[in-house]
Amino acid sequence: RTSRKHARLKYTVEDRGIDVFRAEVEARAGIKFEAPKPFAFTSMGDRY
């Protein structure tokens, strides 16, 4: 909250690390994440 240019979540994750962030989310949500499941994207456009 001191620098608007450094205030987005992407910088919080970079600064704290994904593992620390995950542990805090799990504690607040009262859950335990499983490992990500397989998936695949093929495009990001629209089907006209």
ModelCIF file with pLDDT and N, C-alpha, C, O atoms, coordinates in Angstrom:
data_MODEL
#
_entry.id   MODEL 
#
_entity.id                         1 
_entity.type                       polymer 
_entity.pdbx_number_of_molecules   1 
#
_entity_poly.entity_id                      1 
_entity_poly.type                           'polypeptide(L)' 
_entity_poly.nstd_linkage                   no 
_entity_poly.nstd_monomer                   no 
_entity_poly.pdbx_seq_one_letter_code       RTSRKHARLKYTVEDRGIDVFRAEVEARAGIKFEAPKPFAFTSMGDRY 
_entity_poly.pdbx_seq_one_letter_code_can   RTSRKHARLKYTVEDRGIDVFRAEVEARAGIKFEAPKPFAFTSMGDRY 
_entity_poly.pdbx_strand_id                 A 
#
loop_
_entity_poly_seq.entity_id 
_entity_poly_seq.num 
_entity_poly_seq.mon_id 
_entity_poly_seq.hetero 
1 1  ARG n 
1 2  THR n 
1 3  SER n 
1 4  ARG n 
1 5  LYS n 
1 6  HIS n 
1 7  ALA n 
1 8  ARG n 
1 9  LEU n 
1 10 LYS n 
1 11 TYR n 
1 12 THR n 
1 13 VAL n 
1 14 GLU n 
1 15 ASP n 
1 16 ARG n 
1 17 GLY n 
1 18 ILE n 
1 19 ASP n 
1 20 VAL n 
1 21 PHE n 
1 22 ARG n 
1 23 ALA n 
1 24 GLU n 
1 25 VAL n 
1 26 GLU n 
1 27 ALA n 
1 28 ARG n 
1 29 ALA n 
1 30 GLY n 
1 31 ILE n 
1 32 LYS n 
1 33 PHE n 
1 34 GLU n 
1 35 ALA n 
1 36 PRO n 
1 37 LYS n 
1 38 PRO n 
1 39 PHE n 
1 40 ALA n 
1 41 PHE n 
1 42 THR n 
1 43 SER n 
1 44 MET n 
1 45 GLY n 
1 46 ASP n 
1 47 ARG n 
1 48 TYR n 
#
_struct_asym.id          A 
_struct_asym.entity_id   1 
#
loop_
_ma_qa_metric.id 
_ma_qa_metric.mode 
_ma_qa_metric.name 
_ma_qa_metric.software_group_id 
_ma_qa_metric.type 
1 global pLDDT . pLDDT 
2 local  pLDDT . pLDDT 
#
_ma_qa_metric_global.metric_id      1 
_ma_qa_metric_global.metric_value   96.60 
_ma_qa_metric_global.model_id       1 
_ma_qa_metric_global.ordinal_id     1 
#
loop_
_ma_qa_metric_local.label_asym_id 
_ma_qa_metric_local.label_comp_id 
_ma_qa_metric_local.label_seq_id 
_ma_qa_metric_local.metric_id 
_ma_qa_metric_local.metric_value 
_ma_qa_metric_local.model_id 
_ma_qa_metric_local.ordinal_id 
A ARG 1  2 98.00 1 1  
A THR 2  2 98.00 1 2  
A SER 3  2 97.00 1 3  
A ARG 4  2 97.00 1 4  
A LYS 5  2 97.00 1 5  
A HIS 6  2 97.00 1 6  
A ALA 7  2 98.00 1 7  
A ARG 8  2 98.00 1 8  
A LEU 9  2 98.00 1 9  
A LYS 10 2 98.00 1 10 
A TYR 11 2 98.00 1 11 
A THR 12 2 98.00 1 12 
A VAL 13 2 97.00 1 13 
A GLU 14 2 96.00 1 14 
A ASP 15 2 96.00 1 15 
A ARG 16 2 97.00 1 16 
A GLY 17 2 96.00 1 17 
A ILE 18 2 97.00 1 18 
A ASP 19 2 98.00 1 19 
A VAL 20 2 98.00 1 20 
A PHE 21 2 98.00 1 21 
A ARG 22 2 98.00 1 22 
A ALA 23 2 98.00 1 23 
A GLU 24 2 98.00 1 24 
A VAL 25 2 98.00 1 25 
A GLU 26 2 98.00 1 26 
A ALA 27 2 98.00 1 27 
A ARG 28 2 98.00 1 28 
A ALA 29 2 98.00 1 29 
A GLY 30 2 98.00 1 30 
A ILE 31 2 98.00 1 31 
A LYS 32 2 98.00 1 32 
A PHE 33 2 98.00 1 33 
A GLU 34 2 98.00 1 34 
A ALA 35 2 98.00 1 35 
A PRO 36 2 98.00 1 36 
A LYS 37 2 98.00 1 37 
A PRO 38 2 97.00 1 38 
A PHE 39 2 96.00 1 39 
A ALA 40 2 95.00 1 40 
A PHE 41 2 95.00 1 41 
A THR 42 2 92.00 1 42 
A SER 43 2 89.00 1 43 
A MET 44 2 91.00 1 44 
A GLY 45 2 91.00 1 45 
A ASP 46 2 93.00 1 46 
A ARG 47 2 91.00 1 47 
A TYR 48 2 94.00 1 48 
#
loop_
_atom_site.group_PDB 
_atom_site.id 
_atom_site.type_symbol 
_atom_site.label_atom_id 
_atom_site.label_alt_id 
_atom_site.label_comp_id 
_atom_site.label_asym_id 
_atom_site.label_entity_id 
_atom_site.label_seq_id 
_atom_site.pdbx_PDB_ins_code 
_atom_site.Cartn_x 
_atom_site.Cartn_y 
_atom_site.Cartn_z 
_atom_site.occupancy 
_atom_site.B_iso_or_equiv 
_atom_site.pdbx_formal_charge 
_atom_site.auth_seq_id 
_atom_site.auth_comp_id 
_atom_site.auth_asym_id 
_atom_site.auth_atom_id 
_atom_site.pdbx_PDB_model_num 
ATOM 1   N N  . ARG A 1 1  ? 0.815   -1.210  0.000   1.00 98.00 ? 1  ARG A N  1 
ATOM 2   C CA . ARG A 1 1  ? 0.000   0.000   0.000   1.00 98.00 ? 1  ARG A CA 1 
ATOM 3   C C  . ARG A 1 1  ? 0.854   1.269   0.000   1.00 98.00 ? 1  ARG A C  1 
ATOM 4   O O  . ARG A 1 1  ? 0.332   2.364   0.208   1.00 98.00 ? 1  ARG A O  1 
ATOM 5   N N  . THR A 1 2  ? 2.149   1.132   -0.229  1.00 98.00 ? 2  THR A N  1 
ATOM 6   C CA . THR A 1 2  ? 3.027   2.304   -0.280  1.00 98.00 ? 2  THR A CA 1 
ATOM 7   C C  . THR A 1 2  ? 3.322   2.723   -1.708  1.00 98.00 ? 2  THR A C  1 
ATOM 8   O O  . THR A 1 2  ? 3.602   3.896   -1.954  1.00 98.00 ? 2  THR A O  1 
ATOM 9   N N  . SER A 1 3  ? 3.266   1.799   -2.656  1.00 97.00 ? 3  SER A N  1 
ATOM 10  C CA . SER A 1 3  ? 3.578   2.094   -4.056  1.00 97.00 ? 3  SER A CA 1 
ATOM 11  C C  . SER A 1 3  ? 2.504   1.510   -4.952  1.00 97.00 ? 3  SER A C  1 
ATOM 12  O O  . SER A 1 3  ? 2.341   0.291   -5.006  1.00 97.00 ? 3  SER A O  1 
ATOM 13  N N  . ARG A 1 4  ? 1.774   2.349   -5.649  1.00 97.00 ? 4  ARG A N  1 
ATOM 14  C CA . ARG A 1 4  ? 0.723   1.867   -6.542  1.00 97.00 ? 4  ARG A CA 1 
ATOM 15  C C  . ARG A 1 4  ? 1.302   0.984   -7.653  1.00 97.00 ? 4  ARG A C  1 
ATOM 16  O O  . ARG A 1 4  ? 0.635   0.063   -8.125  1.00 97.00 ? 4  ARG A O  1 
ATOM 17  N N  . LYS A 1 5  ? 2.517   1.258   -8.061  1.00 97.00 ? 5  LYS A N  1 
ATOM 18  C CA . LYS A 1 5  ? 3.133   0.482   -9.139  1.00 97.00 ? 5  LYS A CA 1 
ATOM 19  C C  . LYS A 1 5  ? 3.542   -0.911  -8.678  1.00 97.00 ? 5  LYS A C  1 
ATOM 20  O O  . LYS A 1 5  ? 3.824   -1.781  -9.502  1.00 97.00 ? 5  LYS A O  1 
ATOM 21  N N  . HIS A 1 6  ? 3.577   -1.125  -7.365  1.00 97.00 ? 6  HIS A N  1 
ATOM 22  C CA . HIS A 1 6  ? 4.008   -2.418  -6.825  1.00 97.00 ? 6  HIS A CA 1 
ATOM 23  C C  . HIS A 1 6  ? 2.886   -3.063  -6.012  1.00 97.00 ? 6  HIS A C  1 
ATOM 24  O O  . HIS A 1 6  ? 3.135   -3.928  -5.172  1.00 97.00 ? 6  HIS A O  1 
ATOM 25  N N  . ALA A 1 7  ? 1.648   -2.633  -6.271  1.00 98.00 ? 7  ALA A N  1 
ATOM 26  C CA . ALA A 1 7  ? 0.539   -3.014  -5.392  1.00 98.00 ? 7  ALA A CA 1 
ATOM 27  C C  . ALA A 1 7  ? -0.291  -4.187  -5.898  1.00 98.00 ? 7  ALA A C  1 
ATOM 28  O O  . ALA A 1 7  ? -1.152  -4.675  -5.166  1.00 98.00 ? 7  ALA A O  1 
ATOM 29  N N  . ARG A 1 8  ? -0.064  -4.655  -7.120  1.00 98.00 ? 8  ARG A N  1 
ATOM 30  C CA . ARG A 1 8  ? -0.870  -5.759  -7.644  1.00 98.00 ? 8  ARG A CA 1 
ATOM 31  C C  . ARG A 1 8  ? -0.457  -7.080  -7.002  1.00 98.00 ? 8  ARG A C  1 
ATOM 32  O O  . ARG A 1 8  ? 0.645   -7.207  -6.468  1.00 98.00 ? 8  ARG A O  1 
ATOM 33  N N  . LEU A 1 9  ? -1.349  -8.051  -7.061  1.00 98.00 ? 9  LEU A N  1 
ATOM 34  C CA . LEU A 1 9  ? -1.097  -9.376  -6.479  1.00 98.00 ? 9  LEU A CA 1 
ATOM 35  C C  . LEU A 1 9  ? 0.130   -10.036 -7.086  1.00 98.00 ? 9  LEU A C  1 
ATOM 36  O O  . LEU A 1 9  ? 0.818   -10.795 -6.404  1.00 98.00 ? 9  LEU A O  1 
ATOM 37  N N  . LYS A 1 10 ? 0.420   -9.764  -8.356  1.00 98.00 ? 10 LYS A N  1 
ATOM 38  C CA . LYS A 1 10 ? 1.573   -10.419 -8.990  1.00 98.00 ? 10 LYS A CA 1 
ATOM 39  C C  . LYS A 1 10 ? 2.871   -10.113 -8.240  1.00 98.00 ? 10 LYS A C  1 
ATOM 40  O O  . LYS A 1 10 ? 3.749   -10.970 -8.142  1.00 98.00 ? 10 LYS A O  1 
ATOM 41  N N  . TYR A 1 11 ? 2.992   -8.891  -7.710  1.00 98.00 ? 11 TYR A N  1 
ATOM 42  C CA . TYR A 1 11 ? 4.195   -8.541  -6.973  1.00 98.00 ? 11 TYR A CA 1 
ATOM 43  C C  . TYR A 1 11 ? 4.184   -9.162  -5.570  1.00 98.00 ? 11 TYR A C  1 
ATOM 44  O O  . TYR A 1 11 ? 5.237   -9.520  -5.042  1.00 98.00 ? 11 TYR A O  1 
ATOM 45  N N  . THR A 1 12 ? 3.011   -9.289  -4.978  1.00 98.00 ? 12 THR A N  1 
ATOM 46  C CA . THR A 1 12 ? 2.913   -9.961  -3.681  1.00 98.00 ? 12 THR A CA 1 
ATOM 47  C C  . THR A 1 12 ? 3.391   -11.406 -3.802  1.00 98.00 ? 12 THR A C  1 
ATOM 48  O O  . THR A 1 12 ? 4.136   -11.892 -2.952  1.00 98.00 ? 12 THR A O  1 
ATOM 49  N N  . VAL A 1 13 ? 2.957   -12.089 -4.865  1.00 97.00 ? 13 VAL A N  1 
ATOM 50  C CA . VAL A 1 13 ? 3.372   -13.478 -5.094  1.00 97.00 ? 13 VAL A CA 1 
ATOM 51  C C  . VAL A 1 13 ? 4.869   -13.547 -5.360  1.00 97.00 ? 13 VAL A C  1 
ATOM 52  O O  . VAL A 1 13 ? 5.545   -14.438 -4.845  1.00 97.00 ? 13 VAL A O  1 
ATOM 53  N N  . GLU A 1 14 ? 5.395   -12.626 -6.152  1.00 96.00 ? 14 GLU A N  1 
ATOM 54  C CA . GLU A 1 14 ? 6.833   -12.611 -6.435  1.00 96.00 ? 14 GLU A CA 1 
ATOM 55  C C  . GLU A 1 14 ? 7.628   -12.381 -5.141  1.00 96.00 ? 14 GLU A C  1 
ATOM 56  O O  . GLU A 1 14 ? 8.639   -13.042 -4.904  1.00 96.00 ? 14 GLU A O  1 
ATOM 57  N N  . ASP A 1 15 ? 7.167   -11.450 -4.315  1.00 96.00 ? 15 ASP A N  1 
ATOM 58  C CA . ASP A 1 15 ? 7.911   -11.094 -3.108  1.00 96.00 ? 15 ASP A CA 1 
ATOM 59  C C  . ASP A 1 15 ? 7.817   -12.165 -2.029  1.00 96.00 ? 15 ASP A C  1 
ATOM 60  O O  . ASP A 1 15 ? 8.812   -12.465 -1.369  1.00 96.00 ? 15 ASP A O  1 
ATOM 61  N N  . ARG A 1 16 ? 6.639   -12.743 -1.842  1.00 97.00 ? 16 ARG A N  1 
ATOM 62  C CA . ARG A 1 16 ? 6.429   -13.705 -0.758  1.00 97.00 ? 16 ARG A CA 1 
ATOM 63  C C  . ARG A 1 16 ? 6.749   -15.135 -1.162  1.00 97.00 ? 16 ARG A C  1 
ATOM 64  O O  . ARG A 1 16 ? 7.167   -15.947 -0.336  1.00 97.00 ? 16 ARG A O  1 
ATOM 65  N N  . GLY A 1 17 ? 6.548   -15.436 -2.450  1.00 96.00 ? 17 GLY A N  1 
ATOM 66  C CA . GLY A 1 17 ? 6.732   -16.805 -2.916  1.00 96.00 ? 17 GLY A CA 1 
ATOM 67  C C  . GLY A 1 17 ? 5.416   -17.559 -2.948  1.00 96.00 ? 17 GLY A C  1 
ATOM 68  O O  . GLY A 1 17 ? 4.559   -17.360 -2.087  1.00 96.00 ? 17 GLY A O  1 
ATOM 69  N N  . ILE A 1 18 ? 5.255   -18.422 -3.936  1.00 97.00 ? 18 ILE A N  1 
ATOM 70  C CA . ILE A 1 18 ? 3.990   -19.122 -4.132  1.00 97.00 ? 18 ILE A CA 1 
ATOM 71  C C  . ILE A 1 18 ? 3.688   -20.071 -2.976  1.00 97.00 ? 18 ILE A C  1 
ATOM 72  O O  . ILE A 1 18 ? 2.522   -20.237 -2.617  1.00 97.00 ? 18 ILE A O  1 
ATOM 73  N N  . ASP A 1 19 ? 4.705   -20.698 -2.383  1.00 98.00 ? 19 ASP A N  1 
ATOM 74  C CA . ASP A 1 19 ? 4.463   -21.658 -1.304  1.00 98.00 ? 19 ASP A CA 1 
ATOM 75  C C  . ASP A 1 19 ? 3.942   -20.959 -0.042  1.00 98.00 ? 19 ASP A C  1 
ATOM 76  O O  . ASP A 1 19 ? 3.034   -21.465 0.617   1.00 98.00 ? 19 ASP A O  1 
ATOM 77  N N  . VAL A 1 20 ? 4.506   -19.820 0.288   1.00 98.00 ? 20 VAL A N  1 
ATOM 78  C CA . VAL A 1 20 ? 4.053   -19.061 1.460   1.00 98.00 ? 20 VAL A CA 1 
ATOM 79  C C  . VAL A 1 20 ? 2.631   -18.562 1.237   1.00 98.00 ? 20 VAL A C  1 
ATOM 80  O O  . VAL A 1 20 ? 1.794   -18.616 2.138   1.00 98.00 ? 20 VAL A O  1 
ATOM 81  N N  . PHE A 1 21 ? 2.370   -18.075 0.027   1.00 98.00 ? 21 PHE A N  1 
ATOM 82  C CA . PHE A 1 21 ? 1.031   -17.578 -0.286  1.00 98.00 ? 21 PHE A CA 1 
ATOM 83  C C  . PHE A 1 21 ? 0.008   -18.708 -0.209  1.00 98.00 ? 21 PHE A C  1 
ATOM 84  O O  . PHE A 1 21 ? -1.083  -18.526 0.332   1.00 98.00 ? 21 PHE A O  1 
ATOM 85  N N  . ARG A 1 22 ? 0.358   -19.872 -0.749  1.00 98.00 ? 22 ARG A N  1 
ATOM 86  C CA . ARG A 1 22 ? -0.560  -21.018 -0.722  1.00 98.00 ? 22 ARG A CA 1 
ATOM 87  C C  . ARG A 1 22 ? -0.911  -21.403 0.717   1.00 98.00 ? 22 ARG A C  1 
ATOM 88  O O  . ARG A 1 22 ? -2.075  -21.645 1.034   1.00 98.00 ? 22 ARG A O  1 
ATOM 89  N N  . ALA A 1 23 ? 0.088   -21.457 1.571   1.00 98.00 ? 23 ALA A N  1 
ATOM 90  C CA . ALA A 1 23 ? -0.149  -21.845 2.965   1.00 98.00 ? 23 ALA A CA 1 
ATOM 91  C C  . ALA A 1 23 ? -1.107  -20.876 3.652   1.00 98.00 ? 23 ALA A C  1 
ATOM 92  O O  . ALA A 1 23 ? -1.954  -21.297 4.439   1.00 98.00 ? 23 ALA A O  1 
ATOM 93  N N  . GLU A 1 24 ? -0.979  -19.584 3.361   1.00 98.00 ? 24 GLU A N  1 
ATOM 94  C CA . GLU A 1 24 ? -1.860  -18.606 3.985   1.00 98.00 ? 24 GLU A CA 1 
ATOM 95  C C  . GLU A 1 24 ? -3.289  -18.734 3.460   1.00 98.00 ? 24 GLU A C  1 
ATOM 96  O O  . GLU A 1 24 ? -4.243  -18.612 4.228   1.00 98.00 ? 24 GLU A O  1 
ATOM 97  N N  . VAL A 1 25 ? -3.442  -18.977 2.168   1.00 98.00 ? 25 VAL A N  1 
ATOM 98  C CA . VAL A 1 25 ? -4.782  -19.162 1.602   1.00 98.00 ? 25 VAL A CA 1 
ATOM 99  C C  . VAL A 1 25 ? -5.431  -20.402 2.197   1.00 98.00 ? 25 VAL A C  1 
ATOM 100 O O  . VAL A 1 25 ? -6.610  -20.374 2.549   1.00 98.00 ? 25 VAL A O  1 
ATOM 101 N N  . GLU A 1 26 ? -4.678  -21.486 2.315   1.00 98.00 ? 26 GLU A N  1 
ATOM 102 C CA . GLU A 1 26 ? -5.222  -22.705 2.915   1.00 98.00 ? 26 GLU A CA 1 
ATOM 103 C C  . GLU A 1 26 ? -5.687  -22.457 4.344   1.00 98.00 ? 26 GLU A C  1 
ATOM 104 O O  . GLU A 1 26 ? -6.748  -22.935 4.746   1.00 98.00 ? 26 GLU A O  1 
ATOM 105 N N  . ALA A 1 27 ? -4.893  -21.707 5.115   1.00 98.00 ? 27 ALA A N  1 
ATOM 106 C CA . ALA A 1 27 ? -5.259  -21.437 6.506   1.00 98.00 ? 27 ALA A CA 1 
ATOM 107 C C  . ALA A 1 27 ? -6.540  -20.619 6.581   1.00 98.00 ? 27 ALA A C  1 
ATOM 108 O O  . ALA A 1 27 ? -7.401  -20.894 7.417   1.00 98.00 ? 27 ALA A O  1 
ATOM 109 N N  . ARG A 1 28 ? -6.674  -19.626 5.723   1.00 98.00 ? 28 ARG A N  1 
ATOM 110 C CA . ARG A 1 28 ? -7.848  -18.759 5.781   1.00 98.00 ? 28 ARG A CA 1 
ATOM 111 C C  . ARG A 1 28 ? -9.093  -19.451 5.217   1.00 98.00 ? 28 ARG A C  1 
ATOM 112 O O  . ARG A 1 28 ? -10.199 -19.238 5.714   1.00 98.00 ? 28 ARG A O  1 
ATOM 113 N N  . ALA A 1 29 ? -8.917  -20.276 4.185   1.00 98.00 ? 29 ALA A N  1 
ATOM 114 C CA . ALA A 1 29 ? -10.062 -20.956 3.570   1.00 98.00 ? 29 ALA A CA 1 
ATOM 115 C C  . ALA A 1 29 ? -10.435 -22.233 4.310   1.00 98.00 ? 29 ALA A C  1 
ATOM 116 O O  . ALA A 1 29 ? -11.525 -22.768 4.110   1.00 98.00 ? 29 ALA A O  1 
ATOM 117 N N  . GLY A 1 30 ? -9.541  -22.726 5.161   1.00 98.00 ? 30 GLY A N  1 
ATOM 118 C CA . GLY A 1 30 ? -9.809  -23.954 5.886   1.00 98.00 ? 30 GLY A CA 1 
ATOM 119 C C  . GLY A 1 30 ? -9.807  -25.182 4.993   1.00 98.00 ? 30 GLY A C  1 
ATOM 120 O O  . GLY A 1 30 ? -10.586 -26.113 5.199   1.00 98.00 ? 30 GLY A O  1 
ATOM 121 N N  . ILE A 1 31 ? -8.930  -25.177 4.000   1.00 98.00 ? 31 ILE A N  1 
ATOM 122 C CA . ILE A 1 31 ? -8.835  -26.304 3.070   1.00 98.00 ? 31 ILE A CA 1 
ATOM 123 C C  . ILE A 1 31 ? -7.377  -26.677 2.870   1.00 98.00 ? 31 ILE A C  1 
ATOM 124 O O  . ILE A 1 31 ? -6.470  -25.993 3.345   1.00 98.00 ? 31 ILE A O  1 
ATOM 125 N N  . LYS A 1 32 ? -7.174  -27.769 2.162   1.00 98.00 ? 32 LYS A N  1 
ATOM 126 C CA . LYS A 1 32 ? -5.838  -28.164 1.738   1.00 98.00 ? 32 LYS A CA 1 
ATOM 127 C C  . LYS A 1 32 ? -5.887  -28.405 0.238   1.00 98.00 ? 32 LYS A C  1 
ATOM 128 O O  . LYS A 1 32 ? -6.620  -29.277 -0.229  1.00 98.00 ? 32 LYS A O  1 
ATOM 129 N N  . PHE A 1 33 ? -5.117  -27.643 -0.514  1.00 98.00 ? 33 PHE A N  1 
ATOM 130 C CA . PHE A 1 33 ? -5.102  -27.831 -1.962  1.00 98.00 ? 33 PHE A CA 1 
ATOM 131 C C  . PHE A 1 33 ? -4.512  -29.189 -2.324  1.00 98.00 ? 33 PHE A C  1 
ATOM 132 O O  . PHE A 1 33 ? -3.569  -29.659 -1.689  1.00 98.00 ? 33 PHE A O  1 
ATOM 133 N N  . GLU A 1 34 ? -5.076  -29.803 -3.342  1.00 98.00 ? 34 GLU A N  1 
ATOM 134 C CA . GLU A 1 34 ? -4.445  -30.957 -3.974  1.00 98.00 ? 34 GLU A CA 1 
ATOM 135 C C  . GLU A 1 34 ? -3.531  -30.464 -5.084  1.00 98.00 ? 34 GLU A C  1 
ATOM 136 O O  . GLU A 1 34 ? -3.580  -29.295 -5.467  1.00 98.00 ? 34 GLU A O  1 
ATOM 137 N N  . ALA A 1 35 ? -2.702  -31.354 -5.596  1.00 98.00 ? 35 ALA A N  1 
ATOM 138 C CA . ALA A 1 35 ? -1.850  -30.995 -6.730  1.00 98.00 ? 35 ALA A CA 1 
ATOM 139 C C  . ALA A 1 35 ? -2.733  -30.662 -7.930  1.00 98.00 ? 35 ALA A C  1 
ATOM 140 O O  . ALA A 1 35 ? -3.786  -31.278 -8.098  1.00 98.00 ? 35 ALA A O  1 
ATOM 141 N N  . PRO A 1 36 ? -2.332  -29.703 -8.771  1.00 98.00 ? 36 PRO A N  1 
ATOM 142 C CA . PRO A 1 36 ? -3.134  -29.366 -9.960  1.00 98.00 ? 36 PRO A CA 1 
ATOM 143 C C  . PRO A 1 36 ? -3.378  -30.579 -10.837 1.00 98.00 ? 36 PRO A C  1 
ATOM 144 O O  . PRO A 1 36 ? -2.509  -31.439 -10.984 1.00 98.00 ? 36 PRO A O  1 
ATOM 145 N N  . LYS A 1 37 ? -4.563  -30.639 -11.416 1.00 98.00 ? 37 LYS A N  1 
ATOM 146 C CA . LYS A 1 37 ? -4.940  -31.733 -12.306 1.00 98.00 ? 37 LYS A CA 1 
ATOM 147 C C  . LYS A 1 37 ? -4.541  -31.399 -13.748 1.00 98.00 ? 37 LYS A C  1 
ATOM 148 O O  . LYS A 1 37 ? -4.434  -30.224 -14.099 1.00 98.00 ? 37 LYS A O  1 
ATOM 149 N N  . PRO A 1 38 ? -4.324  -32.408 -14.574 1.00 97.00 ? 38 PRO A N  1 
ATOM 150 C CA . PRO A 1 38 ? -3.937  -32.156 -15.974 1.00 97.00 ? 38 PRO A CA 1 
ATOM 151 C C  . PRO A 1 38 ? -5.050  -31.438 -16.740 1.00 97.00 ? 38 PRO A C  1 
ATOM 152 O O  . PRO A 1 38 ? -6.235  -31.687 -16.516 1.00 97.00 ? 38 PRO A O  1 
ATOM 153 N N  . PHE A 1 39 ? -4.650  -30.550 -17.643 1.00 96.00 ? 39 PHE A N  1 
ATOM 154 C CA . PHE A 1 39 ? -5.581  -29.860 -18.534 1.00 96.00 ? 39 PHE A CA 1 
ATOM 155 C C  . PHE A 1 39 ? -4.771  -29.339 -19.706 1.00 96.00 ? 39 PHE A C  1 
ATOM 156 O O  . PHE A 1 39 ? -3.540  -29.349 -19.668 1.00 96.00 ? 39 PHE A O  1 
ATOM 157 N N  . ALA A 1 40 ? -5.454  -28.884 -20.745 1.00 95.00 ? 40 ALA A N  1 
ATOM 158 C CA . ALA A 1 40 ? -4.753  -28.331 -21.910 1.00 95.00 ? 40 ALA A CA 1 
ATOM 159 C C  . ALA A 1 40 ? -5.614  -27.277 -22.574 1.00 95.00 ? 40 ALA A C  1 
ATOM 160 O O  . ALA A 1 40 ? -6.814  -27.470 -22.773 1.00 95.00 ? 40 ALA A O  1 
ATOM 161 N N  . PHE A 1 41 ? -4.985  -26.152 -22.917 1.00 95.00 ? 41 PHE A N  1 
ATOM 162 C CA . PHE A 1 41 ? -5.618  -25.119 -23.724 1.00 95.00 ? 41 PHE A CA 1 
ATOM 163 C C  . PHE A 1 41 ? -5.092  -25.211 -25.146 1.00 95.00 ? 41 PHE A C  1 
ATOM 164 O O  . PHE A 1 41 ? -3.930  -25.552 -25.370 1.00 95.00 ? 41 PHE A O  1 
ATOM 165 N N  . THR A 1 42 ? -5.954  -24.905 -26.102 1.00 92.00 ? 42 THR A N  1 
ATOM 166 C CA . THR A 1 42 ? -5.541  -24.940 -27.509 1.00 92.00 ? 42 THR A CA 1 
ATOM 167 C C  . THR A 1 42 ? -5.616  -23.579 -28.180 1.00 92.00 ? 42 THR A C  1 
ATOM 168 O O  . THR A 1 42 ? -5.013  -23.381 -29.234 1.00 92.00 ? 42 THR A O  1 
ATOM 169 N N  . SER A 1 43 ? -6.344  -22.637 -27.593 1.00 89.00 ? 43 SER A N  1 
ATOM 170 C CA . SER A 1 43 ? -6.452  -21.309 -28.207 1.00 89.00 ? 43 SER A CA 1 
ATOM 171 C C  . SER A 1 43 ? -7.016  -20.345 -27.174 1.00 89.00 ? 43 SER A C  1 
ATOM 172 O O  . SER A 1 43 ? -7.455  -20.754 -26.099 1.00 89.00 ? 43 SER A O  1 
ATOM 173 N N  . MET A 1 44 ? -6.999  -19.048 -27.516 1.00 91.00 ? 44 MET A N  1 
ATOM 174 C CA . MET A 1 44 ? -7.631  -18.054 -26.656 1.00 91.00 ? 44 MET A CA 1 
ATOM 175 C C  . MET A 1 44 ? -8.553  -17.133 -27.443 1.00 91.00 ? 44 MET A C  1 
ATOM 176 O O  . MET A 1 44 ? -8.957  -16.082 -26.946 1.00 91.00 ? 44 MET A O  1 
ATOM 177 N N  . GLY A 1 45 ? -8.883  -17.523 -28.661 1.00 91.00 ? 45 GLY A N  1 
ATOM 178 C CA . GLY A 1 45 ? -9.777  -16.721 -29.481 1.00 91.00 ? 45 GLY A CA 1 
ATOM 179 C C  . GLY A 1 45 ? -11.213 -17.212 -29.412 1.00 91.00 ? 45 GLY A C  1 
ATOM 180 O O  . GLY A 1 45 ? -11.529 -18.146 -28.674 1.00 91.00 ? 45 GLY A O  1 
ATOM 181 N N  . ASP A 1 46 ? -12.082 -16.569 -30.192 1.00 93.00 ? 46 ASP A N  1 
ATOM 182 C CA . ASP A 1 46 ? -13.495 -16.929 -30.242 1.00 93.00 ? 46 ASP A CA 1 
ATOM 183 C C  . ASP A 1 46 ? -13.779 -17.866 -31.417 1.00 93.00 ? 46 ASP A C  1 
ATOM 184 O O  . ASP A 1 46 ? -13.051 -17.874 -32.409 1.00 93.00 ? 46 ASP A O  1 
ATOM 185 N N  . ARG A 1 47 ? -14.837 -18.647 -31.292 1.00 91.00 ? 47 ARG A N  1 
ATOM 186 C CA . ARG A 1 47 ? -15.310 -19.512 -32.379 1.00 91.00 ? 47 ARG A CA 1 
ATOM 187 C C  . ARG A 1 47 ? -16.399 -18.759 -33.130 1.00 91.00 ? 47 ARG A C  1 
ATOM 188 O O  . ARG A 1 47 ? -17.522 -18.624 -32.645 1.00 91.00 ? 47 ARG A O  1 
ATOM 189 N N  . TYR A 1 48 ? -16.057 -18.273 -34.313 1.00 94.00 ? 48 TYR A N  1 
ATOM 190 C CA . TYR A 1 48 ? -16.991 -17.446 -35.068 1.00 94.00 ? 48 TYR A CA 1 
ATOM 191 C C  . TYR A 1 48 ? -18.012 -18.290 -35.833 1.00 94.00 ? 48 TYR A C  1 
ATOM 192 O O  . TYR A 1 48 ? -18.873 -17.743 -36.522 1.00 94.00 ? 48 TYR A O  1 
#
